[in-house]
Amino acid sequence: GYTNAGKSTLFNRLTGADVMAEDLLFATLDPT
């Protein structure tokens, strides 16, 4: 998805993980 579309927030919700998810462009870079 486009940066800041909410991928990491969804990732955290589905997996219970704690990946950096902020209202920032390019909050995460490395594949998790």
Full PDB file with SEQRES, HELIX, SHEET, SSBOND, CRYST1, ORIGX, SCALE, CONECT and MASTER records, all heavy atoms in Angstrom:
SEQRES   1 A   32  GLY TYR THR ASN ALA GLY LYS SER THR LEU PHE ASN ARG          
SEQRES   2 A   32  LEU THR GLY ALA ASP VAL MET ALA GLU ASP LEU LEU PHE          
SEQRES   3 A   32  ALA THR LEU ASP PRO THR                                      
HELIX    1 AA1 LYS A    7  THR A   15  1                                   9    
CRYST1    1.000    1.000    1.000  90.00  90.00  90.00 P 1           1          
ORIGX1      1.000000  0.000000  0.000000        0.00000                         
ORIGX2      0.000000  1.000000  0.000000        0.00000                         
ORIGX3      0.000000  0.000000  1.000000        0.00000                         
SCALE1      1.000000  0.000000  0.000000        0.00000                         
SCALE2      0.000000  1.000000  0.000000        0.00000                         
SCALE3      0.000000  0.000000  1.000000        0.00000                         
ATOM      1  N   GLY A   1       0.824  -1.207   0.000  1.00  0.00           N  
ATOM      2  CA  GLY A   1       0.000   0.000   0.000  1.00  0.00           C  
ATOM      3  C   GLY A   1       0.848   1.242   0.000  1.00  0.00           C  
ATOM      4  O   GLY A   1       2.059   1.195   0.240  1.00  0.00           O  
ATOM      5  N   TYR A   2       0.209   2.349  -0.288  1.00  0.00           N  
ATOM      6  CA  TYR A   2       0.877   3.641  -0.270  1.00  0.00           C  
ATOM      7  C   TYR A   2       1.333   3.923   1.152  1.00  0.00           C  
ATOM      8  O   TYR A   2       0.732   3.438   2.118  1.00  0.00           O  
ATOM      9  CB  TYR A   2      -0.102   4.727  -0.725  1.00  0.00           C  
ATOM     10  CG  TYR A   2       0.549   5.931  -1.344  1.00  0.00           C  
ATOM     11  CD1 TYR A   2       1.007   5.889  -2.656  1.00  0.00           C  
ATOM     12  CD2 TYR A   2       0.701   7.117  -0.633  1.00  0.00           C  
ATOM     13  CE1 TYR A   2       1.609   6.994  -3.241  1.00  0.00           C  
ATOM     14  CE2 TYR A   2       1.303   8.224  -1.210  1.00  0.00           C  
ATOM     15  CZ  TYR A   2       1.752   8.152  -2.516  1.00  0.00           C  
ATOM     16  OH  TYR A   2       2.355   9.249  -3.083  1.00  0.00           O  
ATOM     17  N   THR A   3       2.401   4.690   1.296  1.00  0.00           N  
ATOM     18  CA  THR A   3       2.884   4.970   2.643  1.00  0.00           C  
ATOM     19  C   THR A   3       1.808   5.694   3.457  1.00  0.00           C  
ATOM     20  O   THR A   3       1.074   6.525   2.935  1.00  0.00           O  
ATOM     21  CB  THR A   3       4.196   5.795   2.597  1.00  0.00           C  
ATOM     22  OG1 THR A   3       4.698   5.953   3.911  1.00  0.00           O  
ATOM     23  CG2 THR A   3       4.003   7.161   1.969  1.00  0.00           C  
ATOM     24  N   ASN A   4       1.697   5.324   4.715  1.00  0.00           N  
ATOM     25  CA  ASN A   4       0.725   5.897   5.645  1.00  0.00           C  
ATOM     26  C   ASN A   4      -0.717   5.454   5.374  1.00  0.00           C  
ATOM     27  O   ASN A   4      -1.660   6.114   5.805  1.00  0.00           O  
ATOM     28  CB  ASN A   4       0.784   7.435   5.639  1.00  0.00           C  
ATOM     29  CG  ASN A   4       0.557   8.006   7.037  1.00  0.00           C  
ATOM     30  OD1 ASN A   4       0.842   7.348   8.026  1.00  0.00           O  
ATOM     31  ND2 ASN A   4       0.030   9.202   7.109  1.00  0.00           N  
ATOM     32  N   ALA A   5      -0.893   4.336   4.660  1.00  0.00           N  
ATOM     33  CA  ALA A   5      -2.254   3.835   4.396  1.00  0.00           C  
ATOM     34  C   ALA A   5      -2.796   3.052   5.580  1.00  0.00           C  
ATOM     35  O   ALA A   5      -3.985   2.751   5.646  1.00  0.00           O  
ATOM     36  CB  ALA A   5      -2.262   2.955   3.142  1.00  0.00           C  
ATOM     37  N   GLY A   6      -1.913   2.688   6.528  1.00  0.00           N  
ATOM     38  CA  GLY A   6      -2.352   1.966   7.717  1.00  0.00           C  
ATOM     39  C   GLY A   6      -1.972   0.496   7.722  1.00  0.00           C  
ATOM     40  O   GLY A   6      -2.543  -0.305   8.468  1.00  0.00           O  
ATOM     41  N   LYS A   7      -0.957   0.127   6.912  1.00  0.00           N  
ATOM     42  CA  LYS A   7      -0.541  -1.279   6.841  1.00  0.00           C  
ATOM     43  C   LYS A   7      -0.046  -1.798   8.186  1.00  0.00           C  
ATOM     44  O   LYS A   7      -0.421  -2.876   8.624  1.00  0.00           O  
ATOM     45  CB  LYS A   7       0.573  -1.466   5.805  1.00  0.00           C  
ATOM     46  CG  LYS A   7       0.193  -1.195   4.392  1.00  0.00           C  
ATOM     47  CD  LYS A   7       1.300  -1.558   3.405  1.00  0.00           C  
ATOM     48  CE  LYS A   7       2.657  -1.050   3.796  1.00  0.00           C  
ATOM     49  NZ  LYS A   7       2.724   0.413   3.969  1.00  0.00           N  
ATOM     50  N   SER A   8       0.819  -1.009   8.829  1.00  0.00           N  
ATOM     51  CA  SER A   8       1.419  -1.478  10.087  1.00  0.00           C  
ATOM     52  C   SER A   8       0.393  -1.560  11.206  1.00  0.00           C  
ATOM     53  O   SER A   8       0.448  -2.453  12.055  1.00  0.00           O  
ATOM     54  CB  SER A   8       2.580  -0.573  10.493  1.00  0.00           C  
ATOM     55  OG  SER A   8       3.601  -0.656   9.511  1.00  0.00           O  
ATOM     56  N   THR A   9      -0.584  -0.639  11.215  1.00  0.00           N  
ATOM     57  CA  THR A   9      -1.658  -0.697  12.221  1.00  0.00           C  
ATOM     58  C   THR A   9      -2.473  -1.975  12.026  1.00  0.00           C  
ATOM     59  O   THR A   9      -2.802  -2.672  12.989  1.00  0.00           O  
ATOM     60  CB  THR A   9      -2.573   0.545  12.087  1.00  0.00           C  
ATOM     61  OG1 THR A   9      -1.767   1.717  12.173  1.00  0.00           O  
ATOM     62  CG2 THR A   9      -3.620   0.577  13.183  1.00  0.00           C  
ATOM     63  N   LEU A  10      -2.782  -2.294  10.766  1.00  0.00           N  
ATOM     64  CA  LEU A  10      -3.531  -3.524  10.471  1.00  0.00           C  
ATOM     65  C   LEU A  10      -2.690  -4.752  10.828  1.00  0.00           C  
ATOM     66  O   LEU A  10      -3.200  -5.715  11.421  1.00  0.00           O  
ATOM     67  CB  LEU A  10      -3.916  -3.552   8.987  1.00  0.00           C  
ATOM     68  CG  LEU A  10      -4.662  -4.801   8.509  1.00  0.00           C  
ATOM     69  CD1 LEU A  10      -5.975  -4.988   9.267  1.00  0.00           C  
ATOM     70  CD2 LEU A  10      -4.936  -4.737   7.003  1.00  0.00           C  
ATOM     71  N   PHE A  11      -1.408  -4.702  10.487  1.00  0.00           N  
ATOM     72  CA  PHE A  11      -0.482  -5.803  10.792  1.00  0.00           C  
ATOM     73  C   PHE A  11      -0.495  -6.085  12.299  1.00  0.00           C  
ATOM     74  O   PHE A  11      -0.603  -7.229  12.736  1.00  0.00           O  
ATOM     75  CB  PHE A  11       0.922  -5.419  10.319  1.00  0.00           C  
ATOM     76  CG  PHE A  11       1.967  -6.485  10.514  1.00  0.00           C  
ATOM     77  CD1 PHE A  11       2.158  -7.473   9.569  1.00  0.00           C  
ATOM     78  CD2 PHE A  11       2.778  -6.498  11.649  1.00  0.00           C  
ATOM     79  CE1 PHE A  11       3.129  -8.452   9.740  1.00  0.00           C  
ATOM     80  CE2 PHE A  11       3.745  -7.470  11.829  1.00  0.00           C  
ATOM     81  CZ  PHE A  11       3.924  -8.450  10.866  1.00  0.00           C  
ATOM     82  N   ASN A  12      -0.393  -5.026  13.096  1.00  0.00           N  
ATOM     83  CA  ASN A  12      -0.386  -5.178  14.558  1.00  0.00           C  
ATOM     84  C   ASN A  12      -1.703  -5.761  15.057  1.00  0.00           C  
ATOM     85  O   ASN A  12      -1.725  -6.612  15.948  1.00  0.00           O  
ATOM     86  CB  ASN A  12      -0.136  -3.826  15.234  1.00  0.00           C  
ATOM     87  CG  ASN A  12       1.299  -3.349  15.041  1.00  0.00           C  
ATOM     88  OD1 ASN A  12       2.160  -4.127  14.658  1.00  0.00           O  
ATOM     89  ND2 ASN A  12       1.543  -2.086  15.275  1.00  0.00           N  
ATOM     90  N   ARG A  13      -2.818  -5.290  14.473  1.00  0.00           N  
ATOM     91  CA  ARG A  13      -4.124  -5.777  14.933  1.00  0.00           C  
ATOM     92  C   ARG A  13      -4.311  -7.261  14.603  1.00  0.00           C  
ATOM     93  O   ARG A  13      -4.853  -8.024  15.397  1.00  0.00           O  
ATOM     94  CB  ARG A  13      -5.245  -4.942  14.293  1.00  0.00           C  
ATOM     95  CG  ARG A  13      -6.627  -5.312  14.819  1.00  0.00           C  
ATOM     96  CD  ARG A  13      -7.673  -4.302  14.433  1.00  0.00           C  
ATOM     97  NE  ARG A  13      -7.643  -3.105  15.254  1.00  0.00           N  
ATOM     98  CZ  ARG A  13      -8.175  -3.006  16.456  1.00  0.00           C  
ATOM     99  NH1 ARG A  13      -8.748  -4.057  17.020  1.00  0.00           N  
ATOM    100  NH2 ARG A  13      -8.126  -1.875  17.125  1.00  0.00           N  
ATOM    101  N   LEU A  14      -3.854  -7.673  13.433  1.00  0.00           N  
ATOM    102  CA  LEU A  14      -4.048  -9.072  13.020  1.00  0.00           C  
ATOM    103  C   LEU A  14      -3.099 -10.027  13.728  1.00  0.00           C  
ATOM    104  O   LEU A  14      -3.431 -11.197  13.936  1.00  0.00           O  
ATOM    105  CB  LEU A  14      -3.872  -9.210  11.499  1.00  0.00           C  
ATOM    106  CG  LEU A  14      -4.903  -8.507  10.608  1.00  0.00           C  
ATOM    107  CD1 LEU A  14      -4.590  -8.775   9.142  1.00  0.00           C  
ATOM    108  CD2 LEU A  14      -6.321  -8.954  10.934  1.00  0.00           C  
ATOM    109  N   THR A  15      -1.902  -9.556  14.074  1.00  0.00           N  
ATOM    110  CA  THR A  15      -0.891 -10.483  14.611  1.00  0.00           C  
ATOM    111  C   THR A  15      -0.597 -10.275  16.093  1.00  0.00           C  
ATOM    112  O   THR A  15       0.104 -11.082  16.703  1.00  0.00           O  
ATOM    113  CB  THR A  15       0.445 -10.325  13.852  1.00  0.00           C  
ATOM    114  OG1 THR A  15       0.939  -9.002  14.072  1.00  0.00           O  
ATOM    115  CG2 THR A  15       0.273 -10.550  12.370  1.00  0.00           C  
ATOM    116  N   GLY A  16      -1.114  -9.174  16.655  1.00  0.00           N  
ATOM    117  CA  GLY A  16      -0.786  -8.877  18.058  1.00  0.00           C  
ATOM    118  C   GLY A  16       0.653  -8.438  18.207  1.00  0.00           C  
ATOM    119  O   GLY A  16       1.208  -8.425  19.304  1.00  0.00           O  
ATOM    120  N   ALA A  17       1.293  -8.047  17.080  1.00  0.00           N  
ATOM    121  CA  ALA A  17       2.693  -7.610  17.129  1.00  0.00           C  
ATOM    122  C   ALA A  17       2.747  -6.151  17.568  1.00  0.00           C  
ATOM    123  O   ALA A  17       1.729  -5.512  17.809  1.00  0.00           O  
ATOM    124  CB  ALA A  17       3.336  -7.783  15.751  1.00  0.00           C  
ATOM    125  N   ASP A  18       3.936  -5.629  17.651  1.00  0.00           N  
ATOM    126  CA  ASP A  18       4.119  -4.249  18.098  1.00  0.00           C  
ATOM    127  C   ASP A  18       5.049  -3.525  17.121  1.00  0.00           C  
ATOM    128  O   ASP A  18       6.055  -2.966  17.497  1.00  0.00           O  
ATOM    129  CB  ASP A  18       4.705  -4.238  19.517  1.00  0.00           C  
ATOM    130  CG  ASP A  18       4.691  -2.836  20.107  1.00  0.00           C  
ATOM    131  OD1 ASP A  18       3.871  -2.021  19.641  1.00  0.00           O  
ATOM    132  OD2 ASP A  18       5.502  -2.551  20.995  1.00  0.00           O  
ATOM    133  N   VAL A  19       4.672  -3.556  15.835  1.00  0.00           N  
ATOM    134  CA  VAL A  19       5.473  -2.896  14.813  1.00  0.00           C  
ATOM    135  C   VAL A  19       5.184  -1.403  14.875  1.00  0.00           C  
ATOM    136  O   VAL A  19       4.064  -0.987  15.142  1.00  0.00           O  
ATOM    137  CB  VAL A  19       5.090  -3.457  13.414  1.00  0.00           C  
ATOM    138  CG1 VAL A  19       5.752  -2.661  12.305  1.00  0.00           C  
ATOM    139  CG2 VAL A  19       5.480  -4.917  13.316  1.00  0.00           C  
ATOM    140  N   MET A  20       6.220  -0.578  14.654  1.00  0.00           N  
ATOM    141  CA  MET A  20       6.033   0.871  14.700  1.00  0.00           C  
ATOM    142  C   MET A  20       4.907   1.276  13.747  1.00  0.00           C  
ATOM    143  O   MET A  20       4.958   1.013  12.560  1.00  0.00           O  
ATOM    144  CB  MET A  20       7.323   1.579  14.286  1.00  0.00           C  
ATOM    145  CG  MET A  20       7.216   3.093  14.355  1.00  0.00           C  
ATOM    146  SD  MET A  20       8.742   3.855  13.802  1.00  0.00           S  
ATOM    147  CE  MET A  20       8.316   5.570  13.864  1.00  0.00           C  
ATOM    148  N   ALA A  21       3.870   1.890  14.282  1.00  0.00           N  
ATOM    149  CA  ALA A  21       2.732   2.334  13.473  1.00  0.00           C  
ATOM    150  C   ALA A  21       2.349   3.730  13.919  1.00  0.00           C  
ATOM    151  O   ALA A  21       1.634   3.906  14.886  1.00  0.00           O  
ATOM    152  CB  ALA A  21       1.562   1.365  13.641  1.00  0.00           C  
ATOM    153  N   GLU A  22       2.882   4.719  13.238  1.00  0.00           N  
ATOM    154  CA  GLU A  22       2.583   6.104  13.588  1.00  0.00           C  
ATOM    155  C   GLU A  22       2.036   6.825  12.373  1.00  0.00           C  
ATOM    156  O   GLU A  22       2.152   6.352  11.248  1.00  0.00           O  
ATOM    157  CB  GLU A  22       3.863   6.822  14.064  1.00  0.00           C  
ATOM    158  CG  GLU A  22       4.383   6.300  15.379  1.00  0.00           C  
ATOM    159  CD  GLU A  22       5.568   7.109  15.871  1.00  0.00           C  
ATOM    160  OE1 GLU A  22       5.609   8.315  15.566  1.00  0.00           O  
ATOM    161  OE2 GLU A  22       6.435   6.541  16.531  1.00  0.00           O  
ATOM    162  N   ASP A  23       1.426   7.997  12.609  1.00  0.00           N  
ATOM    163  CA  ASP A  23       0.917   8.784  11.504  1.00  0.00           C  
ATOM    164  C   ASP A  23       2.077   9.526  10.845  1.00  0.00           C  
ATOM    165  O   ASP A  23       2.196  10.738  10.900  1.00  0.00           O  
ATOM    166  CB  ASP A  23      -0.146   9.771  12.016  1.00  0.00           C  
ATOM    167  CG  ASP A  23      -0.840  10.480  10.854  1.00  0.00           C  
ATOM    168  OD1 ASP A  23      -0.807   9.934   9.735  1.00  0.00           O  
ATOM    169  OD2 ASP A  23      -1.385  11.569  11.059  1.00  0.00           O  
ATOM    170  N   LEU A  24       2.986   8.735  10.263  1.00  0.00           N  
ATOM    171  CA  LEU A  24       4.186   9.278   9.621  1.00  0.00           C  
ATOM    172  C   LEU A  24       4.370   8.576   8.285  1.00  0.00           C  
ATOM    173  O   LEU A  24       4.064   7.398   8.157  1.00  0.00           O  
ATOM    174  CB  LEU A  24       5.434   8.981  10.462  1.00  0.00           C  
ATOM    175  CG  LEU A  24       5.677   9.759  11.753  1.00  0.00           C  
ATOM    176  CD1 LEU A  24       6.931   9.225  12.409  1.00  0.00           C  
ATOM    177  CD2 LEU A  24       5.829  11.238  11.482  1.00  0.00           C  
ATOM    178  N   LEU A  25       4.896   9.300   7.315  1.00  0.00           N  
ATOM    179  CA  LEU A  25       5.246   8.639   6.058  1.00  0.00           C  
ATOM    180  C   LEU A  25       6.469   7.764   6.314  1.00  0.00           C  
ATOM    181  O   LEU A  25       7.389   8.163   7.010  1.00  0.00           O  
ATOM    182  CB  LEU A  25       5.559   9.679   4.983  1.00  0.00           C  
ATOM    183  CG  LEU A  25       4.382  10.602   4.606  1.00  0.00           C  
ATOM    184  CD1 LEU A  25       4.797  11.582   3.536  1.00  0.00           C  
ATOM    185  CD2 LEU A  25       3.180   9.815   4.134  1.00  0.00           C  
ATOM    186  N   PHE A  26       6.461   6.574   5.756  1.00  0.00           N  
ATOM    187  CA  PHE A  26       7.567   5.620   5.913  1.00  0.00           C  
ATOM    188  C   PHE A  26       7.869   5.321   7.375  1.00  0.00           C  
ATOM    189  O   PHE A  26       9.011   5.353   7.805  1.00  0.00           O  
ATOM    190  CB  PHE A  26       8.854   6.128   5.233  1.00  0.00           C  
ATOM    191  CG  PHE A  26       8.753   6.210   3.753  1.00  0.00           C  
ATOM    192  CD1 PHE A  26       8.923   7.414   3.094  1.00  0.00           C  
ATOM    193  CD2 PHE A  26       8.472   5.093   3.002  1.00  0.00           C  
ATOM    194  CE1 PHE A  26       8.835   7.501   1.718  1.00  0.00           C  
ATOM    195  CE2 PHE A  26       8.364   5.175   1.633  1.00  0.00           C  
ATOM    196  CZ  PHE A  26       8.554   6.370   0.993  1.00  0.00           C  
ATOM    197  N   ALA A  27       6.826   5.067   8.178  1.00  0.00           N  
ATOM    198  CA  ALA A  27       7.062   4.728   9.586  1.00  0.00           C  
ATOM    199  C   ALA A  27       7.845   3.420   9.678  1.00  0.00           C  
ATOM    200  O   ALA A  27       8.682   3.242  10.547  1.00  0.00           O  
ATOM    201  CB  ALA A  27       5.750   4.613  10.338  1.00  0.00           C  
ATOM    202  N   THR A  28       7.557   2.466   8.765  1.00  0.00           N  
ATOM    203  CA  THR A  28       8.336   1.212   8.756  1.00  0.00           C  
ATOM    204  C   THR A  28       8.982   1.035   7.392  1.00  0.00           C  
ATOM    205  O   THR A  28       8.411   1.385   6.384  1.00  0.00           O  
ATOM    206  CB  THR A  28       7.434  -0.024   8.988  1.00  0.00           C  
ATOM    207  OG1 THR A  28       6.301   0.083   8.129  1.00  0.00           O  
ATOM    208  CG2 THR A  28       6.981  -0.107  10.410  1.00  0.00           C  
ATOM    209  N   LEU A  29      10.173   0.476   7.392  1.00  0.00           N  
ATOM    210  CA  LEU A  29      10.900   0.267   6.139  1.00  0.00           C  
ATOM    211  C   LEU A  29      11.199  -1.185   5.855  1.00  0.00           C  
ATOM    212  O   LEU A  29      11.102  -1.644   4.740  1.00  0.00           O  
ATOM    213  CB  LEU A  29      12.244   1.012   6.199  1.00  0.00           C  
ATOM    214  CG  LEU A  29      12.242   2.473   5.787  1.00  0.00           C  
ATOM    215  CD1 LEU A  29      13.662   2.982   5.807  1.00  0.00           C  
ATOM    216  CD2 LEU A  29      11.646   2.644   4.413  1.00  0.00           C  
ATOM    217  N   ASP A  30      11.599  -1.894   6.889  1.00  0.00           N  
ATOM    218  CA  ASP A  30      12.050  -3.270   6.682  1.00  0.00           C  
ATOM    219  C   ASP A  30      10.858  -4.229   6.709  1.00  0.00           C  
ATOM    220  O   ASP A  30       9.938  -4.045   7.484  1.00  0.00           O  
ATOM    221  CB  ASP A  30      13.058  -3.659   7.762  1.00  0.00           C  
ATOM    222  CG  ASP A  30      14.305  -2.791   7.690  1.00  0.00           C  
ATOM    223  OD1 ASP A  30      15.057  -2.958   6.727  1.00  0.00           O  
ATOM    224  OD2 ASP A  30      14.482  -1.942   8.568  1.00  0.00           O  
ATOM    225  N   PRO A  31      10.891  -5.265   5.856  1.00  0.00           N  
ATOM    226  CA  PRO A  31       9.768  -6.213   5.868  1.00  0.00           C  
ATOM    227  C   PRO A  31       9.711  -6.962   7.193  1.00  0.00           C  
ATOM    228  O   PRO A  31      10.738  -7.364   7.731  1.00  0.00           O  
ATOM    229  CB  PRO A  31      10.100  -7.170   4.711  1.00  0.00           C  
ATOM    230  CG  PRO A  31      11.563  -7.027   4.499  1.00  0.00           C  
ATOM    231  CD  PRO A  31      11.941  -5.647   4.919  1.00  0.00           C  
ATOM    232  N   THR A  32       8.513  -7.087   7.738  1.00  0.00           N  
ATOM    233  CA  THR A  32       8.326  -7.776   9.011  1.00  0.00           C  
ATOM    234  C   THR A  32       7.368  -8.932   8.782  1.00  0.00           C  
ATOM    235  O   THR A  32       6.382  -8.779   8.062  1.00  0.00           O  
ATOM    236  CB  THR A  32       7.701  -6.809  10.045  1.00  0.00           C  
ATOM    237  OG1 THR A  32       8.404  -5.571   9.979  1.00  0.00           O  
ATOM    238  CG2 THR A  32       7.776  -7.365  11.440  1.00  0.00           C  
TER     239      THR A  32                                                      
MASTER        0    0    0    1    0    0    0    6  238    1    0    3          
END                                                                             
